[in-house]
Amino acid sequence: MSEEKEEIRYILKFYFKKGKNATQAAKKICDVYGHDAVSIRVAQIWFKRFQSGNFNVKDTPRS
């Protein structure tokens, strides 16, 4: 995983803990990092993961 992806995930986690929704978080991140930094769909996937109590921002190993 690239360092930038991990950084984006930490920022998503920050916005989640601040009570923002995935769309708000993605838009704010893209304002700073560029329009292709993170999609709303990817942000939604990570927010769903955080809602389930999993705050690990690392990729899960694939077999």
PDB file of N, CA and C in Angstrom:
ATOM      1  N   MET A   1       0.853  -1.175   0.000  1.00  0.00           N
ATOM      2  CA  MET A   1       0.000   0.000   0.000  1.00  0.00           C
ATOM      3  C   MET A   1       0.891   1.227   0.000  1.00  0.00           C
ATOM      4  N   SER A   2       0.512   2.200  -0.784  1.00  0.00           N
ATOM      5  CA  SER A   2       1.309   3.415  -0.819  1.00  0.00           C
ATOM      6  C   SER A   2       1.076   4.227   0.452  1.00  0.00           C
ATOM      7  N   GLU A   3       2.083   5.012   0.784  1.00  0.00           N
ATOM      8  CA  GLU A   3       1.965   5.850   1.980  1.00  0.00           C
ATOM      9  C   GLU A   3       0.822   6.842   1.843  1.00  0.00           C
ATOM     10  N   GLU A   4       0.596   7.339   0.630  1.00  0.00           N
ATOM     11  CA  GLU A   4      -0.478   8.306   0.431  1.00  0.00           C
ATOM     12  C   GLU A   4      -1.846   7.672   0.690  1.00  0.00           C
ATOM     13  N   LYS A   5      -2.049   6.431   0.245  1.00  0.00           N
ATOM     14  CA  LYS A   5      -3.327   5.753   0.507  1.00  0.00           C
ATOM     15  C   LYS A   5      -3.549   5.594   2.004  1.00  0.00           C
ATOM     16  N   GLU A   6      -2.505   5.207   2.701  1.00  0.00           N
ATOM     17  CA  GLU A   6      -2.624   5.039   4.148  1.00  0.00           C
ATOM     18  C   GLU A   6      -2.930   6.377   4.814  1.00  0.00           C
ATOM     19  N   GLU A   7      -2.285   7.427   4.345  1.00  0.00           N
ATOM     20  CA  GLU A   7      -2.538   8.766   4.886  1.00  0.00           C
ATOM     21  C   GLU A   7      -3.997   9.162   4.670  1.00  0.00           C
ATOM     22  N   ILE A   8      -4.522   8.902   3.478  1.00  0.00           N
ATOM     23  CA  ILE A   8      -5.925   9.208   3.174  1.00  0.00           C
ATOM     24  C   ILE A   8      -6.844   8.438   4.116  1.00  0.00           C
ATOM     25  N   ARG A   9      -6.519   7.195   4.395  1.00  0.00           N
ATOM     26  CA  ARG A   9      -7.351   6.382   5.292  1.00  0.00           C
ATOM     27  C   ARG A   9      -7.345   6.926   6.712  1.00  0.00           C
ATOM     28  N   TYR A  10      -6.204   7.409   7.166  1.00  0.00           N
ATOM     29  CA  TYR A  10      -6.160   8.037   8.492  1.00  0.00           C
ATOM     30  C   TYR A  10      -7.023   9.297   8.521  1.00  0.00           C
ATOM     31  N   ILE A  11      -7.004  10.043   7.429  1.00  0.00           N
ATOM     32  CA  ILE A  11      -7.829  11.254   7.357  1.00  0.00           C
ATOM     33  C   ILE A  11      -9.306  10.874   7.335  1.00  0.00           C
ATOM     34  N   LEU A  12      -9.658   9.815   6.603  1.00  0.00           N
ATOM     35  CA  LEU A  12     -11.044   9.332   6.612  1.00  0.00           C
ATOM     36  C   LEU A  12     -11.464   8.945   8.026  1.00  0.00           C
ATOM     37  N   LYS A  13     -10.580   8.264   8.729  1.00  0.00           N
ATOM     38  CA  LYS A  13     -10.866   7.868  10.117  1.00  0.00           C
ATOM     39  C   LYS A  13     -11.075   9.097  10.992  1.00  0.00           C
ATOM     40  N   PHE A  14     -10.263  10.119  10.788  1.00  0.00           N
ATOM     41  CA  PHE A  14     -10.399  11.374  11.531  1.00  0.00           C
ATOM     42  C   PHE A  14     -11.788  11.982  11.302  1.00  0.00           C
ATOM     43  N   TYR A  15     -12.195  12.085  10.032  1.00  0.00           N
ATOM     44  CA  TYR A  15     -13.504  12.666   9.733  1.00  0.00           C
ATOM     45  C   TYR A  15     -14.635  11.795  10.279  1.00  0.00           C
ATOM     46  N   PHE A  16     -14.467  10.482  10.252  1.00  0.00           N
ATOM     47  CA  PHE A  16     -15.464   9.587  10.836  1.00  0.00           C
ATOM     48  C   PHE A  16     -15.639   9.894  12.319  1.00  0.00           C
ATOM     49  N   LYS A  17     -14.523  10.014  13.023  1.00  0.00           N
ATOM     50  CA  LYS A  17     -14.581  10.281  14.467  1.00  0.00           C
ATOM     51  C   LYS A  17     -15.117  11.678  14.762  1.00  0.00           C
ATOM     52  N   LYS A  18     -14.996  12.595  13.798  1.00  0.00           N
ATOM     53  CA  LYS A  18     -15.539  13.949  13.959  1.00  0.00           C
ATOM     54  C   LYS A  18     -17.042  13.997  13.685  1.00  0.00           C
ATOM     55  N   GLY A  19     -17.611  12.873  13.223  1.00  0.00           N
ATOM     56  CA  GLY A  19     -19.044  12.820  12.972  1.00  0.00           C
ATOM     57  C   GLY A  19     -19.451  13.228  11.566  1.00  0.00           C
ATOM     58  N   LYS A  20     -18.489  13.356  10.677  1.00  0.00           N
ATOM     59  CA  LYS A  20     -18.811  13.682   9.283  1.00  0.00           C
ATOM     60  C   LYS A  20     -19.265  12.414   8.570  1.00  0.00           C
ATOM     61  N   ASN A  21     -19.889  12.587   7.408  1.00  0.00           N
ATOM     62  CA  ASN A  21     -20.243  11.404   6.627  1.00  0.00           C
ATOM     63  C   ASN A  21     -19.204  11.191   5.528  1.00  0.00           C
ATOM     64  N   ALA A  22     -19.294  10.076   4.843  1.00  0.00           N
ATOM     65  CA  ALA A  22     -18.281   9.698   3.854  1.00  0.00           C
ATOM     66  C   ALA A  22     -18.196  10.700   2.708  1.00  0.00           C
ATOM     67  N   THR A  23     -19.326  11.207   2.264  1.00  0.00           N
ATOM     68  CA  THR A  23     -19.327  12.172   1.166  1.00  0.00           C
ATOM     69  C   THR A  23     -18.622  13.455   1.573  1.00  0.00           C
ATOM     70  N   GLN A  24     -18.939  13.957   2.758  1.00  0.00           N
ATOM     71  CA  GLN A  24     -18.279  15.170   3.249  1.00  0.00           C
ATOM     72  C   GLN A  24     -16.774  14.962   3.350  1.00  0.00           C
ATOM     73  N   ALA A  25     -16.376  13.828   3.887  1.00  0.00           N
ATOM     74  CA  ALA A  25     -14.951  13.534   4.065  1.00  0.00           C
ATOM     75  C   ALA A  25     -14.245  13.464   2.714  1.00  0.00           C
ATOM     76  N   ALA A  26     -14.824  12.751   1.766  1.00  0.00           N
ATOM     77  CA  ALA A  26     -14.201  12.609   0.446  1.00  0.00           C
ATOM     78  C   ALA A  26     -14.043  13.965  -0.231  1.00  0.00           C
ATOM     79  N   LYS A  27     -15.065  14.798  -0.145  1.00  0.00           N
ATOM     80  CA  LYS A  27     -14.994  16.118  -0.780  1.00  0.00           C
ATOM     81  C   LYS A  27     -13.915  16.987  -0.146  1.00  0.00           C
ATOM     82  N   LYS A  28     -13.811  16.958   1.169  1.00  0.00           N
ATOM     83  CA  LYS A  28     -12.794  17.758   1.849  1.00  0.00           C
ATOM     84  C   LYS A  28     -11.388  17.262   1.508  1.00  0.00           C
ATOM     85  N   ILE A  29     -11.215  15.956   1.454  1.00  0.00           N
ATOM     86  CA  ILE A  29      -9.908  15.385   1.104  1.00  0.00           C
ATOM     87  C   ILE A  29      -9.542  15.759  -0.333  1.00  0.00           C
ATOM     88  N   CYS A  30     -10.495  15.662  -1.235  1.00  0.00           N
ATOM     89  CA  CYS A  30     -10.228  15.999  -2.636  1.00  0.00           C
ATOM     90  C   CYS A  30      -9.947  17.488  -2.823  1.00  0.00           C
ATOM     91  N   ASP A  31     -10.517  18.328  -1.985  1.00  0.00           N
ATOM     92  CA  ASP A  31     -10.209  19.763  -2.036  1.00  0.00           C
ATOM     93  C   ASP A  31      -8.728  20.011  -1.785  1.00  0.00           C
ATOM     94  N   VAL A  32      -8.137  19.204  -0.923  1.00  0.00           N
ATOM     95  CA  VAL A  32      -6.732  19.384  -0.548  1.00  0.00           C
ATOM     96  C   VAL A  32      -5.791  18.579  -1.447  1.00  0.00           C
ATOM     97  N   TYR A  33      -6.117  17.312  -1.696  1.00  0.00           N
ATOM     98  CA  TYR A  33      -5.206  16.398  -2.387  1.00  0.00           C
ATOM     99  C   TYR A  33      -5.474  16.255  -3.886  1.00  0.00           C
ATOM    100  N   GLY A  34      -6.553  16.840  -4.360  1.00  0.00           N
ATOM    101  CA  GLY A  34      -6.899  16.716  -5.774  1.00  0.00           C
ATOM    102  C   GLY A  34      -8.122  15.844  -5.968  1.00  0.00           C
ATOM    103  N   HIS A  35      -8.802  16.050  -7.081  1.00  0.00           N
ATOM    104  CA  HIS A  35     -10.103  15.405  -7.295  1.00  0.00           C
ATOM    105  C   HIS A  35     -10.050  13.886  -7.361  1.00  0.00           C
ATOM    106  N   ASP A  36      -8.887  13.318  -7.609  1.00  0.00           N
ATOM    107  CA  ASP A  36      -8.801  11.858  -7.695  1.00  0.00           C
ATOM    108  C   ASP A  36      -8.167  11.218  -6.460  1.00  0.00           C
ATOM    109  N   ALA A  37      -8.085  11.961  -5.377  1.00  0.00           N
ATOM    110  CA  ALA A  37      -7.441  11.449  -4.153  1.00  0.00           C
ATOM    111  C   ALA A  37      -8.215  10.279  -3.558  1.00  0.00           C
ATOM    112  N   VAL A  38      -9.525  10.405  -3.500  1.00  0.00           N
ATOM    113  CA  VAL A  38     -10.373   9.335  -2.970  1.00  0.00           C
ATOM    114  C   VAL A  38     -11.774   9.516  -3.544  1.00  0.00           C
ATOM    115  N   SER A  39     -12.393   8.416  -3.917  1.00  0.00           N
ATOM    116  CA  SER A  39     -13.762   8.492  -4.431  1.00  0.00           C
ATOM    117  C   SER A  39     -14.742   8.425  -3.263  1.00  0.00           C
ATOM    118  N   ILE A  40     -15.933   8.902  -3.513  1.00  0.00           N
ATOM    119  CA  ILE A  40     -16.979   8.829  -2.487  1.00  0.00           C
ATOM    120  C   ILE A  40     -17.258   7.365  -2.157  1.00  0.00           C
ATOM    121  N   ARG A  41     -17.247   6.503  -3.166  1.00  0.00           N
ATOM    122  CA  ARG A  41     -17.513   5.071  -2.932  1.00  0.00           C
ATOM    123  C   ARG A  41     -16.467   4.449  -2.016  1.00  0.00           C
ATOM    124  N   VAL A  42     -15.198   4.749  -2.252  1.00  0.00           N
ATOM    125  CA  VAL A  42     -14.136   4.214  -1.391  1.00  0.00           C
ATOM    126  C   VAL A  42     -14.298   4.755   0.028  1.00  0.00           C
ATOM    127  N   ALA A  43     -14.620   6.033   0.154  1.00  0.00           N
ATOM    128  CA  ALA A  43     -14.846   6.616   1.479  1.00  0.00           C
ATOM    129  C   ALA A  43     -15.999   5.897   2.182  1.00  0.00           C
ATOM    130  N   GLN A  44     -17.065   5.583   1.443  1.00  0.00           N
ATOM    131  CA  GLN A  44     -18.200   4.869   2.031  1.00  0.00           C
ATOM    132  C   GLN A  44     -17.791   3.487   2.519  1.00  0.00           C
ATOM    133  N   ILE A  45     -16.954   2.807   1.761  1.00  0.00           N
ATOM    134  CA  ILE A  45     -16.482   1.476   2.168  1.00  0.00           C
ATOM    135  C   ILE A  45     -15.714   1.576   3.477  1.00  0.00           C
ATOM    136  N   TRP A  46     -14.824   2.561   3.571  1.00  0.00           N
ATOM    137  CA  TRP A  46     -14.038   2.716   4.799  1.00  0.00           C
ATOM    138  C   TRP A  46     -14.917   3.143   5.976  1.00  0.00           C
ATOM    139  N   PHE A  47     -15.890   4.009   5.739  1.00  0.00           N
ATOM    140  CA  PHE A  47     -16.783   4.424   6.822  1.00  0.00           C
ATOM    141  C   PHE A  47     -17.598   3.238   7.327  1.00  0.00           C
ATOM    142  N   LYS A  48     -18.027   2.364   6.426  1.00  0.00           N
ATOM    143  CA  LYS A  48     -18.768   1.171   6.840  1.00  0.00           C
ATOM    144  C   LYS A  48     -17.878   0.289   7.718  1.00  0.00           C
ATOM    145  N   ARG A  49     -16.625   0.179   7.340  1.00  0.00           N
ATOM    146  CA  ARG A  49     -15.659  -0.597   8.128  1.00  0.00           C
ATOM    147  C   ARG A  49     -15.483   0.022   9.518  1.00  0.00           C
ATOM    148  N   PHE A  50     -15.349   1.337   9.566  1.00  0.00           N
ATOM    149  CA  PHE A  50     -15.203   2.020  10.857  1.00  0.00           C
ATOM    150  C   PHE A  50     -16.463   1.845  11.712  1.00  0.00           C
ATOM    151  N   GLN A  51     -17.635   1.909  11.090  1.00  0.00           N
ATOM    152  CA  GLN A  51     -18.889   1.736  11.820  1.00  0.00           C
ATOM    153  C   GLN A  51     -18.984   0.358  12.453  1.00  0.00           C
ATOM    154  N   SER A  52     -18.353  -0.625  11.843  1.00  0.00           N
ATOM    155  CA  SER A  52     -18.386  -1.981  12.395  1.00  0.00           C
ATOM    156  C   SER A  52     -17.391  -2.151  13.542  1.00  0.00           C
ATOM    157  N   GLY A  53     -16.610  -1.092  13.815  1.00  0.00           N
ATOM    158  CA  GLY A  53     -15.657  -1.149  14.918  1.00  0.00           C
ATOM    159  C   GLY A  53     -14.238  -1.474  14.493  1.00  0.00           C
ATOM    160  N   ASN A  54     -14.022  -1.667  13.203  1.00  0.00           N
ATOM    161  CA  ASN A  54     -12.684  -1.972  12.689  1.00  0.00           C
ATOM    162  C   ASN A  54     -12.015  -0.662  12.263  1.00  0.00           C
ATOM    163  N   PHE A  55     -11.038  -0.226  13.038  1.00  0.00           N
ATOM    164  CA  PHE A  55     -10.355   1.031  12.750  1.00  0.00           C
ATOM    165  C   PHE A  55      -8.959   0.820  12.178  1.00  0.00           C
ATOM    166  N   ASN A  56      -8.654  -0.406  11.771  1.00  0.00           N
ATOM    167  CA  ASN A  56      -7.365  -0.698  11.153  1.00  0.00           C
ATOM    168  C   ASN A  56      -7.370  -0.145   9.726  1.00  0.00           C
ATOM    169  N   VAL A  57      -6.424   0.723   9.402  1.00  0.00           N
ATOM    170  CA  VAL A  57      -6.394   1.340   8.077  1.00  0.00           C
ATOM    171  C   VAL A  57      -5.472   0.604   7.101  1.00  0.00           C
ATOM    172  N   LYS A  58      -4.922  -0.513   7.529  1.00  0.00           N
ATOM    173  CA  LYS A  58      -4.053  -1.313   6.655  1.00  0.00           C
ATOM    174  C   LYS A  58      -4.909  -2.174   5.727  1.00  0.00           C
ATOM    175  N   ASP A  59      -4.356  -2.514   4.570  1.00  0.00           N
ATOM    176  CA  ASP A  59      -5.033  -3.445   3.667  1.00  0.00           C
ATOM    177  C   ASP A  59      -5.120  -4.816   4.318  1.00  0.00           C
ATOM    178  N   THR A  60      -6.214  -5.515   4.078  1.00  0.00           N
ATOM    179  CA  THR A  60      -6.308  -6.893   4.552  1.00  0.00           C
ATOM    180  C   THR A  60      -5.583  -7.778   3.547  1.00  0.00           C
ATOM    181  N   PRO A  61      -4.853  -8.773   4.023  1.00  0.00           N
ATOM    182  CA  PRO A  61      -4.114  -9.640   3.101  1.00  0.00           C
ATOM    183  C   PRO A  61      -5.053 -10.389   2.166  1.00  0.00           C
ATOM    184  N   ARG A  62      -4.623 -10.530   0.933  1.00  0.00           N
ATOM    185  CA  ARG A  62      -5.417 -11.273  -0.053  1.00  0.00           C
ATOM    186  C   ARG A  62      -4.744 -12.603  -0.320  1.00  0.00           C
ATOM    187  N   SER A  63      -5.572 -13.614  -0.517  1.00  0.00           N
ATOM    188  CA  SER A  63      -4.994 -14.944  -0.770  1.00  0.00           C
ATOM    189  C   SER A  63      -4.958 -15.260  -2.245  1.00  0.00           C
TER     190      SER A  63
END
